[in-house]
Amino acid sequence: MLGRLGLGAVLALAGHMAMAQPVLRAVGLESQYADVLAQIGRPYVKVSAIQSNPNTDPHEFEVTPSVARSFHRADFVVENGLGYDSWAAEMLEGTHAEVLSAQKLLNLPDDTPNPHLWYRTDTMPAVAAAAAAFFEAKDPAHKAVYAANLKKFDTSLAPWKRKLAQVKAKYAGAPIVVTEPVADYLLQEAGLKIMTPLSFELSIMNDTDPSPQDVAAEEALLRGRKVRVFVYNEQVTDLQTEALLALAKRRDVQVLPVYELMPASVAHYQDWMMQATAALNQALAASAK
């Protein structure tokens, strides 16, 4: 083999293989954060996601021994904060990993009612920049790679932000209802008017019974077709939300499903947000017919 390839070729191949080996380990508590970490750290950061199944209730997550091992091996961990992934706090104590909280990165108080921060347009750029800075500090030999990955990621968000601006320009003020505040940040950035009582949203999110008054208000909005779109959390449903979904369909109100964790059908976080915004635009357009 050496005779055929030559010493130079063998050394070059060995060097390439060495470069491809990860030198850092990172963990995203939710799949969308893990995806962003992977985009910034590739190929020198090995990334794993703890919660990654969009067909399960993330609030019922159970820690396994493999999760504990992931934490103890990690150099860098990204959590959402705002109590969304508080289950990890105790397990992260005593590890050497640096923990980045999206909540703290955005300077959000603990009483912020909506924890679904990844639907904000400013969350992932901030997470990506912080991750790049950490990777560069710990692995300065590949600083240029991390910087280039960050620039590419930021650029890839531009089409989503343009689409969101287009929806706002055309449909600002359009009334909608939701089951819980999963995609509220995106809906608000699109300029839409969420008619659902916040107390109803928080009750559904926290798995408590909403008041009869809130239920009646939500049903009246759908029954009277006073809203253009019904946005519901397809990942976590119960008898109350399923009844509202059935009512929306009977009254020909456009339905838009959303998720808390990144669906397996999309390649990257930015694709997920782009698809969600395009689907919102399509629902609003159909509601005007």
C-alpha atoms as a PDB file:
ATOM      1  CA  MET A   1       0.000   0.000   0.000  1.00  0.00           C
ATOM      2  CA  LEU A   2       2.786   2.389   0.922  1.00  0.00           C
ATOM      3  CA  GLY A   3       4.500   1.753  -2.362  1.00  0.00           C
ATOM      4  CA  ARG A   4       1.374   2.550  -4.357  1.00  0.00           C
ATOM      5  CA  LEU A   5       0.292   5.681  -2.496  1.00  0.00           C
ATOM      6  CA  GLY A   6       3.644   7.091  -1.578  1.00  0.00           C
ATOM      7  CA  LEU A   7       4.655   8.372   1.836  1.00  0.00           C
ATOM      8  CA  GLY A   8       3.246  11.850   1.198  1.00  0.00           C
ATOM      9  CA  ALA A   9      -0.190  10.533   0.302  1.00  0.00           C
ATOM     10  CA  VAL A  10      -0.285   8.268   3.345  1.00  0.00           C
ATOM     11  CA  LEU A  11       0.671  11.131   5.657  1.00  0.00           C
ATOM     12  CA  ALA A  12      -1.928  13.379   4.065  1.00  0.00           C
ATOM     13  CA  LEU A  13      -4.600  10.723   4.523  1.00  0.00           C
ATOM     14  CA  ALA A  14      -3.600  10.164   8.140  1.00  0.00           C
ATOM     15  CA  GLY A  15      -3.676  13.903   8.740  1.00  0.00           C
ATOM     16  CA  HIS A  16      -7.152  14.184   7.254  1.00  0.00           C
ATOM     17  CA  MET A  17      -8.414  11.332   9.428  1.00  0.00           C
ATOM     18  CA  ALA A  18      -6.926  12.961  12.508  1.00  0.00           C
ATOM     19  CA  MET A  19      -8.581  16.275  11.669  1.00  0.00           C
ATOM     20  CA  ALA A  20     -11.963  14.592  11.395  1.00  0.00           C
ATOM     21  CA  GLN A  21     -11.821  13.303  14.965  1.00  0.00           C
ATOM     22  CA  PRO A  22     -13.993  15.276  17.418  1.00  0.00           C
ATOM     23  CA  VAL A  23     -12.068  17.031  20.155  1.00  0.00           C
ATOM     24  CA  LEU A  24     -15.042  18.307  22.188  1.00  0.00           C
ATOM     25  CA  ARG A  25     -18.381  16.922  23.307  1.00  0.00           C
ATOM     26  CA  ALA A  26     -21.569  18.977  23.497  1.00  0.00           C
ATOM     27  CA  VAL A  27     -25.127  18.214  24.543  1.00  0.00           C
ATOM     28  CA  GLY A  28     -28.370  19.971  23.670  1.00  0.00           C
ATOM     29  CA  LEU A  29     -31.123  19.137  26.134  1.00  0.00           C
ATOM     30  CA  GLU A  30     -33.614  19.515  23.277  1.00  0.00           C
ATOM     31  CA  SER A  31     -33.006  18.393  19.709  1.00  0.00           C
ATOM     32  CA  GLN A  32     -33.244  21.900  18.242  1.00  0.00           C
ATOM     33  CA  TYR A  33     -30.397  23.122  20.440  1.00  0.00           C
ATOM     34  CA  ALA A  34     -28.351  20.028  19.620  1.00  0.00           C
ATOM     35  CA  ASP A  35     -28.850  20.671  15.915  1.00  0.00           C
ATOM     36  CA  VAL A  36     -27.517  24.212  16.200  1.00  0.00           C
ATOM     37  CA  LEU A  37     -24.532  22.999  18.230  1.00  0.00           C
ATOM     38  CA  ALA A  38     -23.767  20.438  15.530  1.00  0.00           C
ATOM     39  CA  GLN A  39     -23.931  23.051  12.803  1.00  0.00           C
ATOM     40  CA  ILE A  40     -21.469  25.282  14.650  1.00  0.00           C
ATOM     41  CA  GLY A  41     -19.136  22.558  15.895  1.00  0.00           C
ATOM     42  CA  ARG A  42     -18.826  20.223  12.942  1.00  0.00           C
ATOM     43  CA  PRO A  43     -16.612  18.260  12.436  1.00  0.00           C
ATOM     44  CA  TYR A  44     -14.672  18.762  15.652  1.00  0.00           C
ATOM     45  CA  VAL A  45     -17.495  18.654  18.205  1.00  0.00           C
ATOM     46  CA  LYS A  46     -19.479  15.487  18.885  1.00  0.00           C
ATOM     47  CA  VAL A  47     -23.041  16.513  19.693  1.00  0.00           C
ATOM     48  CA  SER A  48     -25.899  14.565  21.244  1.00  0.00           C
ATOM     49  CA  ALA A  49     -29.509  15.471  22.021  1.00  0.00           C
ATOM     50  CA  ILE A  50     -31.325  14.343  25.148  1.00  0.00           C
ATOM     51  CA  GLN A  51     -34.937  15.010  24.130  1.00  0.00           C
ATOM     52  CA  SER A  52     -35.399  14.333  20.441  1.00  0.00           C
ATOM     53  CA  ASN A  53     -38.696  12.499  19.891  1.00  0.00           C
ATOM     54  CA  PRO A  54     -41.416  14.910  18.668  1.00  0.00           C
ATOM     55  CA  ASN A  55     -44.043  12.223  19.193  1.00  0.00           C
ATOM     56  CA  THR A  56     -43.658  12.208  22.980  1.00  0.00           C
ATOM     57  CA  ASP A  57     -44.620  14.624  25.733  1.00  0.00           C
ATOM     58  CA  PRO A  58     -41.376  16.434  26.720  1.00  0.00           C
ATOM     59  CA  HIS A  59     -42.849  17.169  30.146  1.00  0.00           C
ATOM     60  CA  GLU A  60     -42.931  13.446  30.925  1.00  0.00           C
ATOM     61  CA  PHE A  61     -39.266  12.845  30.120  1.00  0.00           C
ATOM     62  CA  GLU A  62     -37.518  10.254  32.281  1.00  0.00           C
ATOM     63  CA  VAL A  63     -33.780  10.276  32.881  1.00  0.00           C
ATOM     64  CA  THR A  64     -31.857   7.105  32.001  1.00  0.00           C
ATOM     65  CA  PRO A  65     -28.280   5.998  32.815  1.00  0.00           C
ATOM     66  CA  SER A  66     -27.222   6.850  29.250  1.00  0.00           C
ATOM     67  CA  VAL A  67     -28.380  10.441  29.809  1.00  0.00           C
ATOM     68  CA  ALA A  68     -26.241  10.662  32.928  1.00  0.00           C
ATOM     69  CA  ARG A  69     -23.234   9.379  30.989  1.00  0.00           C
ATOM     70  CA  SER A  70     -23.790  12.001  28.280  1.00  0.00           C
ATOM     71  CA  PHE A  71     -23.697  14.763  30.870  1.00  0.00           C
ATOM     72  CA  HIS A  72     -20.535  13.513  32.562  1.00  0.00           C
ATOM     73  CA  ARG A  73     -18.705  13.287  29.238  1.00  0.00           C
ATOM     74  CA  ALA A  74     -19.851  16.672  27.965  1.00  0.00           C
ATOM     75  CA  ASP A  75     -17.712  19.776  27.765  1.00  0.00           C
ATOM     76  CA  PHE A  76     -20.635  22.040  26.887  1.00  0.00           C
ATOM     77  CA  VAL A  77     -24.369  21.758  27.566  1.00  0.00           C
ATOM     78  CA  VAL A  78     -27.183  23.967  26.301  1.00  0.00           C
ATOM     79  CA  GLU A  79     -30.417  24.116  28.257  1.00  0.00           C
ATOM     80  CA  ASN A  80     -33.535  26.131  27.540  1.00  0.00           C
ATOM     81  CA  GLY A  81     -34.239  27.374  31.055  1.00  0.00           C
ATOM     82  CA  LEU A  82     -37.468  28.866  32.450  1.00  0.00           C
ATOM     83  CA  GLY A  83     -38.195  25.544  34.110  1.00  0.00           C
ATOM     84  CA  TYR A  84     -38.653  23.768  30.789  1.00  0.00           C
ATOM     85  CA  ASP A  85     -35.759  21.373  31.409  1.00  0.00           C
ATOM     86  CA  SER A  86     -35.244  21.799  35.142  1.00  0.00           C
ATOM     87  CA  TRP A  87     -35.019  17.995  35.427  1.00  0.00           C
ATOM     88  CA  ALA A  88     -31.381  18.274  34.321  1.00  0.00           C
ATOM     89  CA  ALA A  89     -30.186  20.652  37.062  1.00  0.00           C
ATOM     90  CA  GLU A  90     -29.323  18.011  39.644  1.00  0.00           C
ATOM     91  CA  MET A  91     -27.622  15.775  37.110  1.00  0.00           C
ATOM     92  CA  LEU A  92     -25.406  18.595  35.867  1.00  0.00           C
ATOM     93  CA  GLU A  93     -24.066  19.289  39.340  1.00  0.00           C
ATOM     94  CA  GLY A  94     -20.581  17.928  39.707  1.00  0.00           C
ATOM     95  CA  THR A  95     -19.892  17.627  35.988  1.00  0.00           C
ATOM     96  CA  HIS A  96     -17.131  19.580  34.309  1.00  0.00           C
ATOM     97  CA  ALA A  97     -19.416  20.829  31.547  1.00  0.00           C
ATOM     98  CA  GLU A  98     -20.054  24.506  31.017  1.00  0.00           C
ATOM     99  CA  VAL A  99     -23.826  25.019  30.946  1.00  0.00           C
ATOM    100  CA  LEU A 100     -25.364  27.644  28.696  1.00  0.00           C
ATOM    101  CA  SER A 101     -28.946  28.687  29.463  1.00  0.00           C
ATOM    102  CA  ALA A 102     -30.906  30.250  26.609  1.00  0.00           C
ATOM    103  CA  GLN A 103     -33.000  32.040  29.209  1.00  0.00           C
ATOM    104  CA  LYS A 104     -29.969  33.681  30.810  1.00  0.00           C
ATOM    105  CA  LEU A 105     -28.439  34.417  27.434  1.00  0.00           C
ATOM    106  CA  LEU A 106     -31.561  36.440  26.567  1.00  0.00           C
ATOM    107  CA  ASN A 107     -31.695  38.021  30.060  1.00  0.00           C
ATOM    108  CA  LEU A 108     -35.213  36.754  30.688  1.00  0.00           C
ATOM    109  CA  PRO A 109     -36.641  36.788  34.240  1.00  0.00           C
ATOM    110  CA  ASP A 110     -37.737  33.548  35.852  1.00  0.00           C
ATOM    111  CA  ASP A 111     -41.402  34.585  35.701  1.00  0.00           C
ATOM    112  CA  THR A 112     -41.374  34.766  31.886  1.00  0.00           C
ATOM    113  CA  PRO A 113     -44.608  32.874  31.081  1.00  0.00           C
ATOM    114  CA  ASN A 114     -43.615  31.300  27.766  1.00  0.00           C
ATOM    115  CA  PRO A 115     -40.585  28.952  27.883  1.00  0.00           C
ATOM    116  CA  HIS A 116     -40.607  27.962  24.189  1.00  0.00           C
ATOM    117  CA  LEU A 117     -37.677  30.216  23.340  1.00  0.00           C
ATOM    118  CA  TRP A 118     -36.637  28.526  20.091  1.00  0.00           C
ATOM    119  CA  TYR A 119     -39.605  30.115  18.306  1.00  0.00           C
ATOM    120  CA  ARG A 120     -37.992  33.538  18.843  1.00  0.00           C
ATOM    121  CA  THR A 121     -35.834  34.840  16.013  1.00  0.00           C
ATOM    122  CA  ASP A 122     -33.117  36.060  18.398  1.00  0.00           C
ATOM    123  CA  THR A 123     -32.604  32.893  20.435  1.00  0.00           C
ATOM    124  CA  MET A 124     -30.605  30.627  18.152  1.00  0.00           C
ATOM    125  CA  PRO A 125     -28.279  33.328  16.791  1.00  0.00           C
ATOM    126  CA  ALA A 126     -27.333  34.099  20.404  1.00  0.00           C
ATOM    127  CA  VAL A 127     -26.902  30.403  21.264  1.00  0.00           C
ATOM    128  CA  ALA A 128     -24.828  29.807  18.148  1.00  0.00           C
ATOM    129  CA  ALA A 129     -22.544  32.767  18.875  1.00  0.00           C
ATOM    130  CA  ALA A 130     -22.007  31.642  22.471  1.00  0.00           C
ATOM    131  CA  ALA A 131     -21.288  28.087  21.351  1.00  0.00           C
ATOM    132  CA  ALA A 132     -18.800  29.263  18.743  1.00  0.00           C
ATOM    133  CA  ALA A 133     -17.003  31.373  21.352  1.00  0.00           C
ATOM    134  CA  PHE A 134     -16.748  28.384  23.707  1.00  0.00           C
ATOM    135  CA  PHE A 135     -15.509  26.020  20.986  1.00  0.00           C
ATOM    136  CA  GLU A 136     -12.945  28.565  19.809  1.00  0.00           C
ATOM    137  CA  ALA A 137     -11.636  29.070  23.345  1.00  0.00           C
ATOM    138  CA  LYS A 138     -11.349  25.346  24.050  1.00  0.00           C
ATOM    139  CA  ASP A 139     -10.091  24.369  20.595  1.00  0.00           C
ATOM    140  CA  PRO A 140      -8.238  27.387  19.167  1.00  0.00           C
ATOM    141  CA  ALA A 141      -6.595  25.254  16.488  1.00  0.00           C
ATOM    142  CA  HIS A 142      -9.947  25.133  14.669  1.00  0.00           C
ATOM    143  CA  LYS A 143     -11.107  28.661  15.435  1.00  0.00           C
ATOM    144  CA  ALA A 144     -11.478  29.553  11.763  1.00  0.00           C
ATOM    145  CA  VAL A 145     -13.760  26.565  11.183  1.00  0.00           C
ATOM    146  CA  TYR A 146     -16.082  27.502  14.036  1.00  0.00           C
ATOM    147  CA  ALA A 147     -16.179  31.119  12.888  1.00  0.00           C
ATOM    148  CA  ALA A 148     -17.040  30.056   9.329  1.00  0.00           C
ATOM    149  CA  ASN A 149     -19.746  27.710  10.597  1.00  0.00           C
ATOM    150  CA  LEU A 150     -21.270  30.511  12.664  1.00  0.00           C
ATOM    151  CA  LYS A 151     -21.318  32.859   9.682  1.00  0.00           C
ATOM    152  CA  LYS A 152     -22.956  30.181   7.523  1.00  0.00           C
ATOM    153  CA  PHE A 153     -25.581  29.499  10.177  1.00  0.00           C
ATOM    154  CA  ASP A 154     -26.474  33.157  10.613  1.00  0.00           C
ATOM    155  CA  THR A 155     -26.796  33.551   6.854  1.00  0.00           C
ATOM    156  CA  SER A 156     -29.062  30.500   6.655  1.00  0.00           C
ATOM    157  CA  LEU A 157     -31.591  32.163   8.990  1.00  0.00           C
ATOM    158  CA  ALA A 158     -32.180  35.068   6.602  1.00  0.00           C
ATOM    159  CA  PRO A 159     -34.818  33.351   4.396  1.00  0.00           C
ATOM    160  CA  TRP A 160     -36.899  32.471   7.471  1.00  0.00           C
ATOM    161  CA  LYS A 161     -36.756  36.027   8.789  1.00  0.00           C
ATOM    162  CA  ARG A 162     -37.718  37.403   5.373  1.00  0.00           C
ATOM    163  CA  LYS A 163     -40.678  35.019   5.192  1.00  0.00           C
ATOM    164  CA  LEU A 164     -41.799  36.047   8.661  1.00  0.00           C
ATOM    165  CA  ALA A 165     -41.615  39.701   7.635  1.00  0.00           C
ATOM    166  CA  GLN A 166     -43.714  38.948   4.561  1.00  0.00           C
ATOM    167  CA  VAL A 167     -46.395  37.281   6.696  1.00  0.00           C
ATOM    168  CA  LYS A 168     -46.435  40.296   9.006  1.00  0.00           C
ATOM    169  CA  ALA A 169     -46.689  42.739   6.124  1.00  0.00           C
ATOM    170  CA  LYS A 170     -49.706  40.924   4.734  1.00  0.00           C
ATOM    171  CA  TYR A 171     -51.549  39.600   7.781  1.00  0.00           C
ATOM    172  CA  ALA A 172     -50.624  41.794  10.769  1.00  0.00           C
ATOM    173  CA  GLY A 173     -53.535  41.998  13.172  1.00  0.00           C
ATOM    174  CA  ALA A 174     -55.219  38.813  11.954  1.00  0.00           C
ATOM    175  CA  PRO A 175     -56.994  37.099  14.885  1.00  0.00           C
ATOM    176  CA  ILE A 176     -55.994  33.546  15.799  1.00  0.00           C
ATOM    177  CA  VAL A 177     -56.427  31.118  18.699  1.00  0.00           C
ATOM    178  CA  VAL A 178     -53.969  28.650  20.209  1.00  0.00           C
ATOM    179  CA  THR A 179     -54.099  25.779  22.671  1.00  0.00           C
ATOM    180  CA  GLU A 180     -50.916  26.742  24.503  1.00  0.00           C
ATOM    181  CA  PRO A 181     -48.016  29.163  23.977  1.00  0.00           C
ATOM    182  CA  VAL A 182     -45.746  26.809  22.028  1.00  0.00           C
ATOM    183  CA  ALA A 183     -45.386  29.000  18.924  1.00  0.00           C
ATOM    184  CA  ASP A 184     -46.578  32.279  20.448  1.00  0.00           C
ATOM    185  CA  TYR A 185     -43.242  34.038  19.933  1.00  0.00           C
ATOM    186  CA  LEU A 186     -43.330  33.308  16.210  1.00  0.00           C
ATOM    187  CA  LEU A 187     -47.004  34.261  15.946  1.00  0.00           C
ATOM    188  CA  GLN A 188     -46.371  37.528  17.763  1.00  0.00           C
ATOM    189  CA  GLU A 189     -43.374  38.373  15.585  1.00  0.00           C
ATOM    190  CA  ALA A 190     -45.674  37.814  12.608  1.00  0.00           C
ATOM    191  CA  GLY A 191     -47.917  40.516  14.028  1.00  0.00           C
ATOM    192  CA  LEU A 192     -50.890  38.232  14.630  1.00  0.00           C
ATOM    193  CA  LYS A 193     -53.451  38.836  17.384  1.00  0.00           C
ATOM    194  CA  ILE A 194     -53.735  35.887  19.768  1.00  0.00           C
ATOM    195  CA  MET A 195     -57.307  35.923  21.052  1.00  0.00           C
ATOM    196  CA  THR A 196     -56.949  32.986  23.459  1.00  0.00           C
ATOM    197  CA  PRO A 197     -56.875  34.036  27.134  1.00  0.00           C
ATOM    198  CA  LEU A 198     -53.315  33.655  28.404  1.00  0.00           C
ATOM    199  CA  SER A 199     -54.684  31.936  31.497  1.00  0.00           C
ATOM    200  CA  PHE A 200     -56.160  29.251  29.217  1.00  0.00           C
ATOM    201  CA  GLU A 201     -52.833  28.761  27.417  1.00  0.00           C
ATOM    202  CA  LEU A 202     -50.906  28.419  30.658  1.00  0.00           C
ATOM    203  CA  SER A 203     -53.429  25.973  32.089  1.00  0.00           C
ATOM    204  CA  ILE A 204     -53.101  23.704  29.075  1.00  0.00           C
ATOM    205  CA  MET A 205     -49.306  24.026  29.100  1.00  0.00           C
ATOM    206  CA  ASN A 206     -49.083  23.187  32.796  1.00  0.00           C
ATOM    207  CA  ASP A 207     -51.605  20.339  32.519  1.00  0.00           C
ATOM    208  CA  THR A 208     -54.179  21.948  34.802  1.00  0.00           C
ATOM    209  CA  ASP A 209     -57.877  22.466  34.176  1.00  0.00           C
ATOM    210  CA  PRO A 210     -58.687  25.818  32.541  1.00  0.00           C
ATOM    211  CA  SER A 211     -61.532  27.803  34.030  1.00  0.00           C
ATOM    212  CA  PRO A 212     -65.023  27.298  32.563  1.00  0.00           C
ATOM    213  CA  GLN A 213     -64.975  30.957  31.521  1.00  0.00           C
ATOM    214  CA  ASP A 214     -61.759  30.491  29.546  1.00  0.00           C
ATOM    215  CA  VAL A 215     -63.054  27.343  27.887  1.00  0.00           C
ATOM    216  CA  ALA A 216     -66.273  29.116  26.925  1.00  0.00           C
ATOM    217  CA  ALA A 217     -64.316  32.057  25.488  1.00  0.00           C
ATOM    218  CA  GLU A 218     -62.109  29.776  23.411  1.00  0.00           C
ATOM    219  CA  GLU A 219     -65.056  27.777  22.117  1.00  0.00           C
ATOM    220  CA  ALA A 220     -66.999  30.927  21.253  1.00  0.00           C
ATOM    221  CA  LEU A 221     -64.139  32.212  19.123  1.00  0.00           C
ATOM    222  CA  LEU A 222     -64.096  29.011  17.118  1.00  0.00           C
ATOM    223  CA  ARG A 223     -67.835  28.464  16.960  1.00  0.00           C
ATOM    224  CA  GLY A 224     -68.424  32.003  15.733  1.00  0.00           C
ATOM    225  CA  ARG A 225     -65.489  31.802  13.293  1.00  0.00           C
ATOM    226  CA  LYS A 226     -64.075  34.970  14.814  1.00  0.00           C
ATOM    227  CA  VAL A 227     -60.527  33.807  14.174  1.00  0.00           C
ATOM    228  CA  ARG A 228     -58.643  32.811  11.050  1.00  0.00           C
ATOM    229  CA  VAL A 229     -56.367  30.045  12.319  1.00  0.00           C
ATOM    230  CA  PHE A 230     -56.398  27.518  15.161  1.00  0.00           C
ATOM    231  CA  VAL A 231     -52.823  26.727  16.271  1.00  0.00           C
ATOM    232  CA  TYR A 232     -52.484  23.619  18.398  1.00  0.00           C
ATOM    233  CA  ASN A 233     -49.673  21.647  19.937  1.00  0.00           C
ATOM    234  CA  GLU A 234     -49.742  18.356  18.058  1.00  0.00           C
ATOM    235  CA  GLN A 235     -47.032  16.895  20.264  1.00  0.00           C
ATOM    236  CA  VAL A 236     -49.017  17.155  23.499  1.00  0.00           C
ATOM    237  CA  THR A 237     -52.792  16.746  23.361  1.00  0.00           C
ATOM    238  CA  ASP A 238     -55.605  15.948  25.784  1.00  0.00           C
ATOM    239  CA  LEU A 239     -59.386  15.661  25.692  1.00  0.00           C
ATOM    240  CA  GLN A 240     -59.779  19.441  25.942  1.00  0.00           C
ATOM    241  CA  THR A 241     -57.484  20.286  23.025  1.00  0.00           C
ATOM    242  CA  GLU A 242     -58.834  17.424  20.916  1.00  0.00           C
ATOM    243  CA  ALA A 243     -62.365  18.760  21.420  1.00  0.00           C
ATOM    244  CA  LEU A 244     -61.236  22.216  20.326  1.00  0.00           C
ATOM    245  CA  LEU A 245     -59.528  20.731  17.277  1.00  0.00           C
ATOM    246  CA  ALA A 246     -62.727  18.937  16.307  1.00  0.00           C
ATOM    247  CA  LEU A 247     -64.707  22.158  16.771  1.00  0.00           C
ATOM    248  CA  ALA A 248     -62.272  24.124  14.595  1.00  0.00           C
ATOM    249  CA  LYS A 249     -62.601  21.565  11.822  1.00  0.00           C
ATOM    250  CA  ARG A 250     -66.403  21.572  12.035  1.00  0.00           C
ATOM    251  CA  ARG A 251     -66.449  25.348  11.761  1.00  0.00           C
ATOM    252  CA  ASP A 252     -63.949  25.357   8.869  1.00  0.00           C
ATOM    253  CA  VAL A 253     -61.322  27.282  10.814  1.00  0.00           C
ATOM    254  CA  GLN A 254     -57.843  26.692   9.381  1.00  0.00           C
ATOM    255  CA  VAL A 255     -55.739  24.393  11.560  1.00  0.00           C
ATOM    256  CA  LEU A 256     -51.992  24.741  12.072  1.00  0.00           C
ATOM    257  CA  PRO A 257     -50.158  22.035  14.085  1.00  0.00           C
ATOM    258  CA  VAL A 258     -46.918  22.971  15.861  1.00  0.00           C
ATOM    259  CA  TYR A 259     -44.306  20.999  17.800  1.00  0.00           C
ATOM    260  CA  GLU A 260     -42.128  21.497  20.853  1.00  0.00           C
ATOM    261  CA  LEU A 261     -39.255  19.369  19.556  1.00  0.00           C
ATOM    262  CA  MET A 262     -37.782  19.505  16.067  1.00  0.00           C
ATOM    263  CA  PRO A 263     -39.514  16.954  13.801  1.00  0.00           C
ATOM    264  CA  ALA A 264     -37.343  14.198  12.382  1.00  0.00           C
ATOM    265  CA  SER A 265     -38.572  15.071   8.895  1.00  0.00           C
ATOM    266  CA  VAL A 266     -36.562  18.314   8.757  1.00  0.00           C
ATOM    267  CA  ALA A 267     -32.839  18.546   8.288  1.00  0.00           C
ATOM    268  CA  HIS A 268     -32.067  21.524  10.507  1.00  0.00           C
ATOM    269  CA  TYR A 269     -33.567  24.015  12.916  1.00  0.00           C
ATOM    270  CA  GLN A 270     -33.776  26.763  10.290  1.00  0.00           C
ATOM    271  CA  ASP A 271     -35.666  24.421   7.949  1.00  0.00           C
ATOM    272  CA  TRP A 272     -38.151  23.683  10.744  1.00  0.00           C
ATOM    273  CA  MET A 273     -38.796  27.373  11.380  1.00  0.00           C
ATOM    274  CA  MET A 274     -39.082  28.080   7.670  1.00  0.00           C
ATOM    275  CA  GLN A 275     -41.617  25.286   7.220  1.00  0.00           C
ATOM    276  CA  ALA A 276     -43.638  26.446  10.232  1.00  0.00           C
ATOM    277  CA  THR A 277     -43.747  30.007   8.903  1.00  0.00           C
ATOM    278  CA  ALA A 278     -44.652  28.877   5.391  1.00  0.00           C
ATOM    279  CA  ALA A 279     -47.438  26.713   6.814  1.00  0.00           C
ATOM    280  CA  LEU A 280     -48.702  29.697   8.820  1.00  0.00           C
ATOM    281  CA  ASN A 281     -48.732  31.814   5.695  1.00  0.00           C
ATOM    282  CA  GLN A 282     -50.623  29.113   3.830  1.00  0.00           C
ATOM    283  CA  ALA A 283     -53.218  28.785   6.606  1.00  0.00           C
ATOM    284  CA  LEU A 284     -53.784  32.539   6.704  1.00  0.00           C
ATOM    285  CA  ALA A 285     -54.119  32.686   2.936  1.00  0.00           C
ATOM    286  CA  ALA A 286     -56.637  29.826   2.933  1.00  0.00           C
ATOM    287  CA  SER A 287     -58.660  31.490   5.687  1.00  0.00           C
ATOM    288  CA  ALA A 288     -59.243  34.517   3.470  1.00  0.00           C
ATOM    289  CA  LYS A 289     -60.966  32.478   0.755  1.00  0.00           C
END
